[in-house]
N, C-alpha and C. Protein backbone atom coordinates (compact mmCIF):
# COMPACT_ATOMS: atom_id res chain seq x y z
N MET A 1 91.67 -73.03 13.11
CA MET A 1 91.55 -73.23 11.72
C MET A 1 92.75 -74.17 11.44
N THR A 2 92.33 -75.03 10.49
CA THR A 2 93.53 -76.08 9.82
C THR A 2 94.05 -75.44 8.62
N ASN A 3 95.38 -75.42 8.57
CA ASN A 3 96.54 -75.06 7.32
C ASN A 3 95.95 -76.44 6.45
N THR A 4 95.83 -76.01 4.97
CA THR A 4 95.42 -76.86 3.92
C THR A 4 96.95 -77.00 3.26
N GLU A 5 97.61 -77.85 3.36
CA GLU A 5 98.72 -77.74 2.17
C GLU A 5 98.35 -78.63 0.86
N PHE A 6 98.80 -78.13 0.01
CA PHE A 6 98.57 -78.73 -1.35
C PHE A 6 99.76 -79.20 -2.16
N SER A 7 99.63 -80.28 -2.67
CA SER A 7 100.72 -80.73 -3.45
C SER A 7 101.02 -79.83 -4.67
N ASP A 8 102.43 -80.27 -5.53
CA ASP A 8 102.22 -79.45 -6.89
C ASP A 8 101.08 -80.28 -7.61
N THR A 9 101.00 -81.44 -7.57
CA THR A 9 99.92 -82.09 -8.41
C THR A 9 98.55 -81.60 -8.15
N ASP A 10 98.44 -81.18 -6.92
CA ASP A 10 97.02 -80.53 -6.70
C ASP A 10 96.89 -79.22 -7.35
N LEU A 11 98.03 -78.46 -6.92
CA LEU A 11 97.95 -76.92 -7.64
C LEU A 11 97.69 -77.13 -9.25
N THR A 12 98.80 -78.13 -10.01
CA THR A 12 98.50 -78.03 -11.51
C THR A 12 97.15 -78.59 -11.60
N ARG A 13 96.54 -79.52 -11.24
CA ARG A 13 95.16 -79.93 -11.45
C ARG A 13 94.08 -78.37 -11.24
N LEU A 14 94.01 -77.69 -10.04
CA LEU A 14 93.32 -76.81 -9.74
C LEU A 14 93.91 -75.52 -10.75
N ALA A 15 95.05 -75.33 -11.29
CA ALA A 15 95.41 -74.23 -12.46
C ALA A 15 94.77 -74.98 -13.73
N ALA A 16 94.64 -76.05 -14.08
CA ALA A 16 94.20 -76.43 -15.09
C ALA A 16 92.81 -76.29 -15.56
N ARG A 17 91.88 -76.79 -13.81
CA ARG A 17 90.32 -76.44 -13.90
C ARG A 17 90.00 -74.85 -14.24
N LEU A 18 90.82 -74.19 -13.61
CA LEU A 18 90.56 -72.95 -13.81
C LEU A 18 90.68 -72.15 -15.20
N GLN A 19 92.02 -72.88 -15.68
CA GLN A 19 91.96 -72.58 -16.90
C GLN A 19 90.91 -72.81 -18.01
N ARG A 20 90.36 -73.94 -17.58
CA ARG A 20 89.23 -74.54 -18.49
C ARG A 20 87.99 -73.58 -18.16
N VAL A 21 87.69 -73.02 -17.02
CA VAL A 21 86.67 -72.03 -16.88
C VAL A 21 86.95 -70.90 -17.33
N GLU A 22 87.93 -70.02 -17.45
CA GLU A 22 88.39 -69.19 -18.16
C GLU A 22 88.10 -69.43 -19.72
N ASP A 23 88.45 -70.63 -20.08
CA ASP A 23 88.57 -71.08 -21.59
C ASP A 23 86.84 -70.70 -22.03
N ARG A 24 86.22 -71.44 -21.25
CA ARG A 24 84.86 -71.55 -21.56
C ARG A 24 83.99 -70.11 -21.60
N LEU A 25 84.31 -69.27 -20.67
CA LEU A 25 83.67 -67.77 -20.60
C LEU A 25 84.33 -67.24 -21.83
N ALA A 26 85.36 -67.36 -22.10
CA ALA A 26 86.01 -66.54 -23.28
C ALA A 26 85.12 -66.94 -24.65
N ILE A 27 84.90 -68.36 -24.54
CA ILE A 27 84.57 -68.81 -25.84
C ILE A 27 82.79 -68.57 -25.96
N GLN A 28 82.13 -68.18 -24.69
CA GLN A 28 80.78 -67.73 -24.80
C GLN A 28 80.81 -66.49 -24.92
N ASP A 29 81.72 -65.42 -24.77
CA ASP A 29 81.98 -64.20 -24.93
C ASP A 29 82.19 -64.07 -26.68
N LEU A 30 82.92 -64.81 -27.11
CA LEU A 30 83.22 -65.00 -28.66
C LEU A 30 81.82 -65.38 -29.50
N VAL A 31 81.12 -66.18 -28.74
CA VAL A 31 79.72 -66.44 -29.62
C VAL A 31 78.65 -65.12 -29.31
N GLN A 32 78.73 -64.83 -28.47
CA GLN A 32 77.79 -63.60 -28.22
C GLN A 32 78.42 -62.34 -29.03
N LEU A 33 79.67 -62.17 -29.09
CA LEU A 33 80.24 -61.20 -30.04
C LEU A 33 79.74 -61.18 -31.21
N TYR A 34 79.93 -62.29 -31.73
CA TYR A 34 79.46 -62.82 -33.15
C TYR A 34 78.15 -61.96 -33.64
N GLY A 35 77.06 -61.99 -32.77
CA GLY A 35 75.70 -61.38 -33.00
C GLY A 35 75.93 -59.86 -33.20
N TYR A 36 76.75 -59.28 -32.33
CA TYR A 36 76.96 -58.03 -32.24
C TYR A 36 77.74 -57.42 -33.57
N VAL A 37 78.76 -58.35 -34.05
CA VAL A 37 79.51 -57.78 -35.01
C VAL A 37 78.53 -57.80 -36.29
N MET A 38 77.66 -58.97 -36.40
CA MET A 38 76.79 -59.14 -37.56
C MET A 38 75.78 -58.26 -37.53
N ASP A 39 75.06 -57.42 -36.47
CA ASP A 39 74.04 -56.53 -36.58
C ASP A 39 74.60 -55.47 -36.80
N GLU A 40 75.94 -54.89 -36.59
CA GLU A 40 76.46 -53.85 -36.89
C GLU A 40 77.32 -53.58 -38.16
N ARG A 41 77.35 -55.03 -38.67
CA ARG A 41 78.10 -55.03 -39.91
C ARG A 41 79.34 -54.45 -40.16
N ASP A 42 80.24 -54.82 -38.87
CA ASP A 42 81.69 -54.38 -38.70
C ASP A 42 82.53 -55.44 -39.27
N LEU A 43 82.87 -55.19 -40.80
CA LEU A 43 83.39 -55.73 -41.35
C LEU A 43 85.11 -56.17 -40.45
N SER A 44 85.48 -54.98 -40.12
CA SER A 44 86.85 -54.81 -39.14
C SER A 44 87.02 -55.53 -38.11
N GLY A 45 85.62 -56.03 -37.93
CA GLY A 45 85.37 -56.75 -36.40
C GLY A 45 85.74 -58.18 -36.71
N LEU A 46 85.73 -58.75 -37.94
CA LEU A 46 85.69 -60.17 -38.25
C LEU A 46 86.93 -60.98 -37.66
N PRO A 47 88.34 -60.47 -37.77
CA PRO A 47 89.57 -60.74 -37.47
C PRO A 47 89.43 -61.07 -35.99
N GLN A 48 88.63 -60.32 -35.12
CA GLN A 48 88.44 -60.82 -33.74
C GLN A 48 87.39 -61.87 -33.39
N LEU A 49 86.90 -62.34 -34.81
CA LEU A 49 85.99 -63.54 -34.45
C LEU A 49 86.75 -64.95 -34.92
N PHE A 50 87.16 -64.71 -36.15
CA PHE A 50 87.39 -65.64 -37.01
C PHE A 50 89.00 -65.95 -37.22
N THR A 51 89.78 -67.05 -37.23
CA THR A 51 91.21 -67.44 -37.67
C THR A 51 91.48 -67.06 -39.02
N ALA A 52 92.67 -66.73 -39.40
CA ALA A 52 92.97 -66.30 -40.80
C ALA A 52 92.83 -67.45 -41.76
N ASP A 53 92.48 -68.89 -41.19
CA ASP A 53 92.55 -69.84 -42.35
C ASP A 53 90.87 -70.45 -41.79
N ALA A 54 89.83 -69.50 -41.33
CA ALA A 54 88.65 -70.39 -40.84
C ALA A 54 87.94 -70.82 -42.07
N GLU A 55 87.00 -71.47 -41.63
CA GLU A 55 85.98 -71.79 -42.54
C GLU A 55 84.44 -71.65 -42.12
N LEU A 56 83.57 -71.13 -43.21
CA LEU A 56 82.23 -70.90 -42.78
C LEU A 56 81.11 -71.43 -43.90
N HIS A 57 80.66 -72.13 -43.30
CA HIS A 57 79.71 -73.16 -44.24
C HIS A 57 78.20 -73.10 -43.62
N SER A 58 77.42 -73.59 -44.32
CA SER A 58 75.76 -73.73 -44.19
C SER A 58 75.27 -75.08 -44.40
N GLU A 59 74.91 -75.88 -43.90
CA GLU A 59 74.22 -77.25 -44.02
C GLU A 59 73.57 -77.12 -45.42
N ASP A 60 72.84 -76.05 -45.93
CA ASP A 60 72.17 -76.05 -47.04
C ASP A 60 73.23 -76.01 -48.37
N GLY A 61 74.34 -75.57 -48.27
CA GLY A 61 75.49 -75.61 -49.30
C GLY A 61 75.81 -74.43 -49.85
N VAL A 62 74.91 -73.28 -49.26
CA VAL A 62 74.88 -72.05 -50.09
C VAL A 62 76.19 -71.39 -49.25
N PHE A 63 76.62 -71.32 -48.13
CA PHE A 63 77.70 -70.57 -47.65
C PHE A 63 79.04 -71.84 -47.52
N ASN A 64 79.73 -71.33 -48.21
CA ASN A 64 81.32 -72.25 -48.29
C ASN A 64 82.45 -71.42 -48.68
N ALA A 65 82.97 -70.74 -47.37
CA ALA A 65 84.15 -69.71 -47.58
C ALA A 65 85.04 -70.19 -47.02
N ILE A 66 86.18 -70.07 -47.40
CA ILE A 66 87.61 -70.68 -46.61
C ILE A 66 88.06 -69.28 -47.04
N GLY A 67 89.10 -69.09 -45.30
CA GLY A 67 89.96 -67.96 -45.08
C GLY A 67 89.02 -66.90 -44.94
N LEU A 68 89.61 -65.81 -44.28
CA LEU A 68 89.27 -64.68 -43.66
C LEU A 68 88.96 -63.75 -44.78
N ASP A 69 89.78 -63.50 -45.48
CA ASP A 69 89.21 -62.42 -46.69
C ASP A 69 87.91 -63.12 -47.47
N THR A 70 87.98 -64.27 -47.79
CA THR A 70 86.58 -64.89 -48.45
C THR A 70 85.53 -64.70 -47.43
N ILE A 71 85.72 -64.93 -46.38
CA ILE A 71 84.54 -64.63 -45.33
C ILE A 71 84.06 -63.38 -45.22
N THR A 72 85.31 -62.43 -45.13
CA THR A 72 84.81 -61.14 -45.33
C THR A 72 84.07 -60.53 -46.52
N GLU A 73 84.48 -61.13 -47.60
CA GLU A 73 83.46 -61.03 -48.99
C GLU A 73 82.17 -61.49 -49.07
N THR A 74 82.02 -62.47 -48.44
CA THR A 74 80.57 -63.33 -48.18
C THR A 74 79.71 -62.52 -47.34
N TYR A 75 80.29 -62.06 -45.97
CA TYR A 75 79.55 -61.06 -45.24
C TYR A 75 79.24 -59.87 -46.07
N GLY A 76 80.01 -59.31 -46.90
CA GLY A 76 79.87 -58.06 -47.51
C GLY A 76 78.76 -58.14 -48.20
N GLY A 77 78.59 -59.32 -48.97
CA GLY A 77 77.47 -59.43 -50.11
C GLY A 77 76.52 -60.02 -49.60
N ARG A 78 76.35 -60.51 -48.21
CA ARG A 78 75.07 -60.75 -47.49
C ARG A 78 74.46 -59.46 -46.85
N TYR A 79 75.62 -58.83 -46.70
CA TYR A 79 74.53 -57.50 -45.81
C TYR A 79 74.06 -56.60 -46.91
N ASP A 80 74.21 -56.76 -48.51
CA ASP A 80 73.85 -55.71 -49.37
C ASP A 80 72.16 -56.16 -49.42
N GLN A 81 71.81 -57.34 -48.99
CA GLN A 81 70.60 -57.91 -49.28
C GLN A 81 69.66 -57.73 -47.93
N LEU A 82 70.53 -57.10 -46.91
CA LEU A 82 69.68 -57.07 -45.32
C LEU A 82 69.63 -55.77 -45.06
N GLY A 83 68.22 -55.73 -44.18
CA GLY A 83 68.02 -54.25 -43.63
C GLY A 83 68.36 -54.42 -42.03
N ALA A 84 67.63 -53.83 -41.31
CA ALA A 84 68.09 -54.18 -39.97
C ALA A 84 67.93 -55.80 -39.51
N THR A 85 68.74 -55.98 -38.63
CA THR A 85 68.74 -57.57 -38.16
C THR A 85 69.06 -57.41 -36.60
N TYR A 86 68.61 -58.39 -36.13
CA TYR A 86 68.95 -58.76 -34.75
C TYR A 86 69.34 -60.37 -34.45
N HIS A 87 70.40 -60.51 -34.26
CA HIS A 87 71.16 -61.77 -33.96
C HIS A 87 71.11 -61.94 -32.62
N TRP A 88 70.94 -63.44 -31.91
CA TRP A 88 71.16 -63.96 -30.48
C TRP A 88 71.60 -64.97 -30.34
N ALA A 89 71.99 -65.61 -29.44
CA ALA A 89 72.44 -66.97 -29.12
C ALA A 89 72.20 -67.22 -27.86
N ASN A 90 71.27 -68.41 -27.66
CA ASN A 90 70.78 -68.58 -26.26
C ASN A 90 71.94 -69.35 -25.32
N ALA A 91 72.44 -70.06 -25.88
CA ALA A 91 73.38 -70.79 -25.11
C ALA A 91 74.64 -71.45 -25.86
N VAL A 92 75.51 -71.80 -25.66
CA VAL A 92 76.42 -72.74 -26.08
C VAL A 92 77.25 -73.72 -25.15
N ILE A 93 77.09 -74.88 -25.65
CA ILE A 93 77.41 -76.05 -25.03
C ILE A 93 79.00 -76.34 -25.69
N THR A 94 79.96 -76.45 -25.04
CA THR A 94 81.42 -76.41 -25.02
C THR A 94 81.92 -78.00 -24.91
N ARG A 95 82.71 -78.30 -25.60
CA ARG A 95 83.42 -79.61 -25.36
C ARG A 95 84.75 -79.15 -25.76
N PHE A 96 85.91 -79.91 -25.22
CA PHE A 96 87.17 -79.56 -25.26
C PHE A 96 88.09 -80.65 -26.06
N ASP A 97 88.85 -80.84 -26.80
CA ASP A 97 89.57 -81.65 -27.79
C ASP A 97 90.45 -82.46 -26.63
N ALA A 98 90.29 -83.72 -26.48
CA ALA A 98 90.69 -84.54 -25.68
C ALA A 98 92.58 -84.38 -25.65
N ALA A 99 92.99 -84.30 -27.08
CA ALA A 99 94.53 -84.27 -27.18
C ALA A 99 94.92 -82.91 -27.54
N ASP A 100 94.22 -81.86 -27.63
CA ASP A 100 94.75 -80.55 -27.90
C ASP A 100 94.02 -79.35 -27.07
N PRO A 101 94.35 -78.87 -26.13
CA PRO A 101 93.71 -77.96 -25.32
C PRO A 101 93.65 -76.75 -25.90
N ASP A 102 94.07 -76.50 -27.13
CA ASP A 102 93.87 -75.35 -27.76
C ASP A 102 92.69 -75.42 -28.83
N VAL A 103 91.90 -76.43 -28.65
CA VAL A 103 90.68 -76.66 -29.80
C VAL A 103 89.67 -77.16 -28.79
N ALA A 104 88.36 -76.34 -29.24
CA ALA A 104 87.16 -76.63 -28.61
C ALA A 104 86.26 -76.94 -29.64
N TYR A 105 85.18 -77.64 -29.26
CA TYR A 105 83.95 -77.59 -30.08
C TYR A 105 82.36 -77.05 -29.34
N GLY A 106 81.59 -76.34 -30.09
CA GLY A 106 80.44 -76.11 -29.51
C GLY A 106 79.22 -76.52 -30.55
N LEU A 107 78.42 -76.33 -29.63
CA LEU A 107 77.04 -76.46 -30.44
C LEU A 107 76.37 -75.06 -29.84
N VAL A 108 75.79 -74.25 -30.77
CA VAL A 108 74.88 -73.28 -30.34
C VAL A 108 73.55 -72.89 -30.69
N ASN A 109 72.81 -72.57 -29.93
CA ASN A 109 71.01 -72.29 -30.28
C ASN A 109 71.11 -70.71 -30.40
N GLY A 110 70.27 -70.44 -31.40
CA GLY A 110 70.27 -68.81 -31.65
C GLY A 110 68.94 -68.74 -32.43
N GLY A 111 68.91 -67.57 -32.74
CA GLY A 111 67.93 -66.86 -33.82
C GLY A 111 68.02 -65.60 -34.46
N ALA A 112 67.45 -65.29 -35.30
CA ALA A 112 67.52 -63.76 -35.67
C ALA A 112 66.29 -63.07 -36.05
N GLU A 113 66.18 -61.86 -36.30
CA GLU A 113 64.99 -61.40 -36.74
C GLU A 113 65.56 -60.58 -37.64
N VAL A 114 65.62 -60.17 -38.97
CA VAL A 114 65.72 -60.00 -40.28
C VAL A 114 65.17 -59.23 -41.22
N VAL A 115 65.29 -58.11 -41.82
CA VAL A 115 64.82 -57.70 -42.87
C VAL A 115 65.68 -58.14 -44.09
N ARG A 116 65.09 -59.09 -44.92
CA ARG A 116 65.72 -59.58 -46.04
C ARG A 116 65.16 -59.11 -47.22
N ASN A 117 66.15 -58.66 -48.28
CA ASN A 117 65.35 -58.32 -49.88
C ASN A 117 63.94 -57.44 -49.55
N GLY A 118 63.56 -56.69 -48.38
CA GLY A 118 62.48 -55.74 -47.94
C GLY A 118 61.77 -56.66 -47.16
N GLU A 119 61.77 -57.70 -46.95
CA GLU A 119 60.85 -58.65 -46.30
C GLU A 119 61.29 -58.95 -44.76
N THR A 120 60.15 -58.73 -43.87
CA THR A 120 60.66 -59.16 -42.42
C THR A 120 60.65 -60.83 -42.22
N MET A 121 61.78 -61.13 -41.67
CA MET A 121 61.60 -62.70 -41.81
C MET A 121 62.24 -63.17 -40.08
N LYS A 122 61.89 -64.51 -39.69
CA LYS A 122 62.26 -64.81 -38.52
C LYS A 122 62.89 -66.04 -38.87
N VAL A 123 64.04 -66.08 -37.83
CA VAL A 123 65.19 -67.23 -38.40
C VAL A 123 65.43 -68.09 -37.08
N ALA A 124 65.23 -69.61 -36.95
CA ALA A 124 65.77 -70.28 -36.24
C ALA A 124 67.07 -70.65 -36.55
N LEU A 125 68.32 -70.69 -35.78
CA LEU A 125 69.76 -70.90 -36.12
C LEU A 125 70.41 -72.08 -35.10
N ARG A 126 71.09 -72.67 -35.82
CA ARG A 126 72.03 -73.40 -34.99
C ARG A 126 73.17 -73.18 -35.64
N TYR A 127 74.44 -73.26 -34.64
CA TYR A 127 75.59 -73.32 -35.18
C TYR A 127 76.39 -74.49 -34.89
N LYS A 128 77.24 -75.25 -35.10
CA LYS A 128 78.47 -76.15 -34.75
C LYS A 128 79.62 -75.60 -35.39
N ASP A 129 80.25 -75.45 -34.07
CA ASP A 129 81.50 -74.82 -34.17
C ASP A 129 82.64 -75.69 -33.98
N THR A 130 83.84 -75.07 -34.49
CA THR A 130 85.26 -75.42 -33.48
C THR A 130 86.13 -74.13 -33.53
N TYR A 131 86.20 -74.37 -32.18
CA TYR A 131 87.18 -73.14 -31.81
C TYR A 131 88.49 -73.12 -31.54
N ARG A 132 89.40 -72.37 -31.88
CA ARG A 132 91.09 -72.30 -31.76
C ARG A 132 91.35 -71.53 -30.81
N ARG A 133 92.15 -71.56 -29.97
CA ARG A 133 92.90 -70.84 -29.30
C ARG A 133 94.00 -70.17 -29.89
N THR A 134 94.15 -69.02 -30.16
CA THR A 134 95.27 -68.01 -31.14
C THR A 134 96.04 -67.13 -29.85
N PRO A 135 97.15 -66.67 -30.44
CA PRO A 135 97.85 -65.59 -29.69
C PRO A 135 97.02 -64.54 -28.93
N GLU A 136 95.61 -64.17 -29.87
CA GLU A 136 94.80 -63.24 -29.73
C GLU A 136 93.74 -63.63 -28.74
N GLY A 137 93.72 -64.94 -28.53
CA GLY A 137 92.29 -65.32 -27.90
C GLY A 137 91.68 -66.33 -28.62
N TRP A 138 90.41 -66.66 -28.30
CA TRP A 138 89.95 -67.93 -28.89
C TRP A 138 89.01 -67.28 -30.29
N ARG A 139 88.99 -68.07 -31.14
CA ARG A 139 88.43 -67.60 -32.51
C ARG A 139 87.38 -68.76 -33.17
N PHE A 140 86.84 -68.49 -33.94
CA PHE A 140 86.21 -69.67 -34.35
C PHE A 140 87.14 -69.98 -35.66
N ALA A 141 87.40 -71.55 -36.02
CA ALA A 141 88.28 -72.08 -36.76
C ALA A 141 87.19 -72.75 -37.96
N ILE A 142 86.03 -73.13 -37.53
CA ILE A 142 85.02 -73.44 -38.40
C ILE A 142 83.56 -73.19 -37.83
N ARG A 143 82.75 -72.62 -38.42
CA ARG A 143 81.33 -72.17 -38.11
C ARG A 143 80.45 -72.93 -39.18
N THR A 144 79.71 -73.66 -39.10
CA THR A 144 78.50 -74.23 -39.89
C THR A 144 76.99 -73.64 -39.51
N MET A 145 76.34 -73.16 -40.04
CA MET A 145 75.14 -72.34 -39.67
C MET A 145 73.87 -73.51 -40.34
N SER A 146 73.09 -73.97 -40.00
CA SER A 146 71.54 -74.16 -40.06
C SER A 146 70.22 -73.59 -39.77
N TYR A 147 69.52 -74.17 -40.62
CA TYR A 147 67.88 -73.33 -40.11
C TYR A 147 66.74 -74.45 -39.64
N ALA A 148 66.28 -74.08 -38.61
CA ALA A 148 64.86 -74.80 -38.55
C ALA A 148 63.91 -74.05 -39.58
N TYR A 149 63.93 -72.89 -39.64
CA TYR A 149 63.16 -72.16 -40.56
C TYR A 149 63.92 -70.95 -40.86
N TYR A 150 63.49 -70.23 -41.88
CA TYR A 150 64.13 -68.88 -42.51
C TYR A 150 62.76 -68.58 -43.05
N ILE A 151 61.89 -67.93 -42.45
CA ILE A 151 60.67 -67.69 -43.09
C ILE A 151 59.99 -66.32 -42.83
N ARG A 152 59.17 -65.87 -43.86
CA ARG A 152 58.54 -64.41 -43.62
C ARG A 152 57.59 -64.59 -42.57
N GLU A 153 57.70 -63.28 -41.66
CA GLU A 153 56.57 -63.16 -40.59
C GLU A 153 55.13 -63.42 -40.82
N ASP A 154 54.93 -63.07 -41.87
CA ASP A 154 53.21 -63.45 -42.58
C ASP A 154 53.12 -64.94 -42.84
N GLU A 155 54.13 -65.49 -42.87
CA GLU A 155 54.00 -67.20 -43.47
C GLU A 155 54.39 -68.01 -42.27
N TYR A 156 54.63 -67.57 -41.09
CA TYR A 156 55.45 -68.39 -39.73
C TYR A 156 54.31 -69.25 -39.52
N ILE A 157 53.04 -69.16 -39.23
CA ILE A 157 52.30 -70.13 -38.65
C ILE A 157 52.00 -70.98 -39.50
N GLU A 158 51.64 -70.83 -40.72
CA GLU A 158 51.15 -72.02 -41.68
C GLU A 158 52.57 -72.51 -41.96
N GLY A 159 53.63 -71.92 -42.32
CA GLY A 159 54.56 -72.16 -42.77
C GLY A 159 55.70 -73.42 -42.06
N MET A 160 55.38 -73.05 -40.64
CA MET A 160 55.80 -74.28 -39.71
C MET A 160 55.33 -75.43 -39.86
N LYS A 161 54.23 -75.73 -40.55
CA LYS A 161 53.70 -77.04 -40.41
C LYS A 161 54.08 -78.13 -41.58
N GLY A 162 55.14 -77.30 -42.55
CA GLY A 162 55.62 -78.02 -43.53
C GLY A 162 57.04 -78.41 -43.45
N ALA A 163 57.69 -78.86 -44.23
CA ALA A 163 59.11 -79.19 -44.59
C ALA A 163 59.93 -78.11 -45.01
N ASP A 164 59.45 -77.36 -46.10
CA ASP A 164 59.84 -76.40 -46.45
C ASP A 164 59.95 -75.11 -46.06
N ARG A 165 60.44 -75.07 -44.68
CA ARG A 165 60.74 -74.03 -44.31
C ARG A 165 61.87 -72.80 -44.33
N ASN A 166 62.70 -73.13 -45.06
CA ASN A 166 63.88 -72.48 -45.55
C ASN A 166 63.67 -71.62 -46.69
N ARG A 167 63.20 -70.53 -46.68
CA ARG A 167 62.81 -69.41 -47.78
C ARG A 167 63.62 -68.10 -47.51
N CYS A 168 64.87 -68.77 -47.41
CA CYS A 168 65.83 -67.59 -47.21
C CYS A 168 65.88 -66.89 -48.64
N TYR A 169 65.86 -67.89 -49.60
CA TYR A 169 66.77 -67.44 -51.00
C TYR A 169 65.67 -67.17 -52.16
N GLY A 170 64.46 -66.68 -51.59
CA GLY A 170 63.26 -66.58 -52.40
C GLY A 170 62.69 -67.66 -53.12
N ASP A 171 63.05 -68.91 -52.53
CA ASP A 171 62.31 -70.08 -53.16
C ASP A 171 62.02 -71.12 -51.87
N ARG A 172 61.46 -72.19 -51.87
CA ARG A 172 61.26 -73.00 -50.57
C ARG A 172 61.98 -74.10 -50.68
N ARG A 173 62.68 -74.22 -49.43
CA ARG A 173 63.99 -75.40 -49.45
C ARG A 173 63.65 -76.01 -48.01
N GLU A 174 63.79 -77.37 -48.14
CA GLU A 174 63.57 -78.11 -46.99
C GLU A 174 64.53 -77.61 -45.78
N ALA A 175 63.98 -77.46 -44.70
CA ALA A 175 64.65 -77.05 -43.62
C ALA A 175 65.69 -78.27 -43.03
N ASP A 176 66.55 -77.56 -42.42
CA ASP A 176 68.01 -78.63 -41.80
C ASP A 176 67.53 -79.31 -40.53
N TRP A 177 66.63 -78.80 -39.94
CA TRP A 177 66.45 -79.72 -38.52
C TRP A 177 65.08 -79.10 -38.04
N PRO A 178 64.53 -79.88 -37.05
CA PRO A 178 64.93 -81.17 -36.56
C PRO A 178 65.46 -82.25 -37.36
N ALA A 179 66.61 -82.58 -37.13
CA ALA A 179 66.92 -83.76 -37.79
C ALA A 179 66.16 -84.99 -37.86
N VAL A 180 65.59 -85.23 -37.21
CA VAL A 180 64.59 -86.57 -37.07
C VAL A 180 63.69 -86.52 -37.96
N LEU A 181 63.15 -85.15 -38.46
CA LEU A 181 62.19 -84.80 -39.47
C LEU A 181 62.54 -84.61 -40.80
N HIS A 182 64.14 -84.88 -40.96
CA HIS A 182 64.76 -84.47 -42.17
C HIS A 182 65.58 -85.41 -42.62
N ASN A 183 65.66 -86.71 -42.07
CA ASN A 183 66.27 -87.76 -42.37
C ASN A 183 67.76 -87.66 -42.06
N GLY A 184 67.92 -87.08 -40.89
CA GLY A 184 69.30 -86.70 -40.50
C GLY A 184 69.77 -87.73 -39.43
N GLU A 185 70.91 -87.85 -39.27
CA GLU A 185 71.51 -88.60 -38.16
C GLU A 185 71.89 -87.75 -36.79
N LEU A 186 72.22 -88.53 -35.91
CA LEU A 186 72.48 -87.85 -34.55
C LEU A 186 73.77 -88.09 -33.81
N ASP A 187 74.46 -88.65 -34.61
CA ASP A 187 75.92 -88.84 -33.95
C ASP A 187 76.47 -87.43 -33.49
N TRP A 188 76.03 -86.46 -34.01
CA TRP A 188 77.06 -84.99 -33.74
C TRP A 188 76.49 -84.66 -32.23
N LEU A 189 75.04 -84.91 -32.10
CA LEU A 189 74.56 -84.75 -30.84
C LEU A 189 75.03 -85.41 -30.00
N ARG A 190 74.92 -86.38 -30.26
CA ARG A 190 75.33 -87.79 -28.84
C ARG A 190 76.76 -87.53 -28.62
N ALA A 191 77.47 -86.85 -29.70
CA ALA A 191 78.84 -86.69 -28.84
C ALA A 191 78.99 -85.91 -27.99
N TYR A 192 78.03 -84.83 -27.54
CA TYR A 192 77.90 -83.89 -26.68
C TYR A 192 77.54 -84.37 -25.44
N TYR A 193 76.68 -85.66 -25.25
CA TYR A 193 76.21 -86.15 -24.48
C TYR A 193 76.73 -86.50 -23.00
N ARG A 194 78.11 -86.41 -23.19
CA ARG A 194 79.01 -86.80 -22.04
C ARG A 194 79.35 -85.66 -21.15
N GLN A 195 79.28 -85.62 -19.77
CA GLN A 195 79.60 -84.72 -19.14
C GLN A 195 80.65 -83.89 -19.27
N ALA A 196 80.89 -82.61 -18.88
CA ALA A 196 81.90 -81.94 -18.96
C ALA A 196 82.97 -82.35 -18.29
N GLY A 197 82.75 -83.01 -17.23
CA GLY A 197 83.87 -83.40 -16.18
C GLY A 197 84.30 -84.78 -16.80
N ASP A 198 83.85 -85.35 -17.95
CA ASP A 198 84.70 -86.30 -18.60
C ASP A 198 85.67 -86.00 -19.46
N GLU A 199 85.71 -84.72 -19.63
CA GLU A 199 87.03 -84.30 -20.71
C GLU A 199 88.20 -84.55 -20.26
């Protein structure tokens, strides 16, 4: 058996790669934990998700909460309209800031089944995230949600055929995506095309 000697440079690179893997796993856990906190309506768990100065937005402009206290109030008001909910995240694509190892960005695909104002609704969700490493771990610094549809169960089949698929607020509004169907640009997506190894 041959003994392999590693230089200090090799060890430094290896440690950095291992740290990146651990960071990705921690961010994946954060994204999944969000769904549990939402469904159980545990407002006391929000500091485990968001930084103190976090921002919560929606692409339709309804959500614009700055700071953990305001985010907590926003979710508290939202819960008043909801019955049972089930949120899930399918996957998170993570890219790390080239200049700051404590900042990362994510695209998350997911969905939800909710009872809102007494109506059972299906939701297709995306999140555009900025994550920040804090002394307590990774947290959401900015989270922006968007909808391909937010629609009553009995309206789903016909509703998917039109542009007005966001029916979250009691009226019919244009959905946020796919962007190509709603006059959106794709620079945000193309920024993620580079391979993780290029970071």
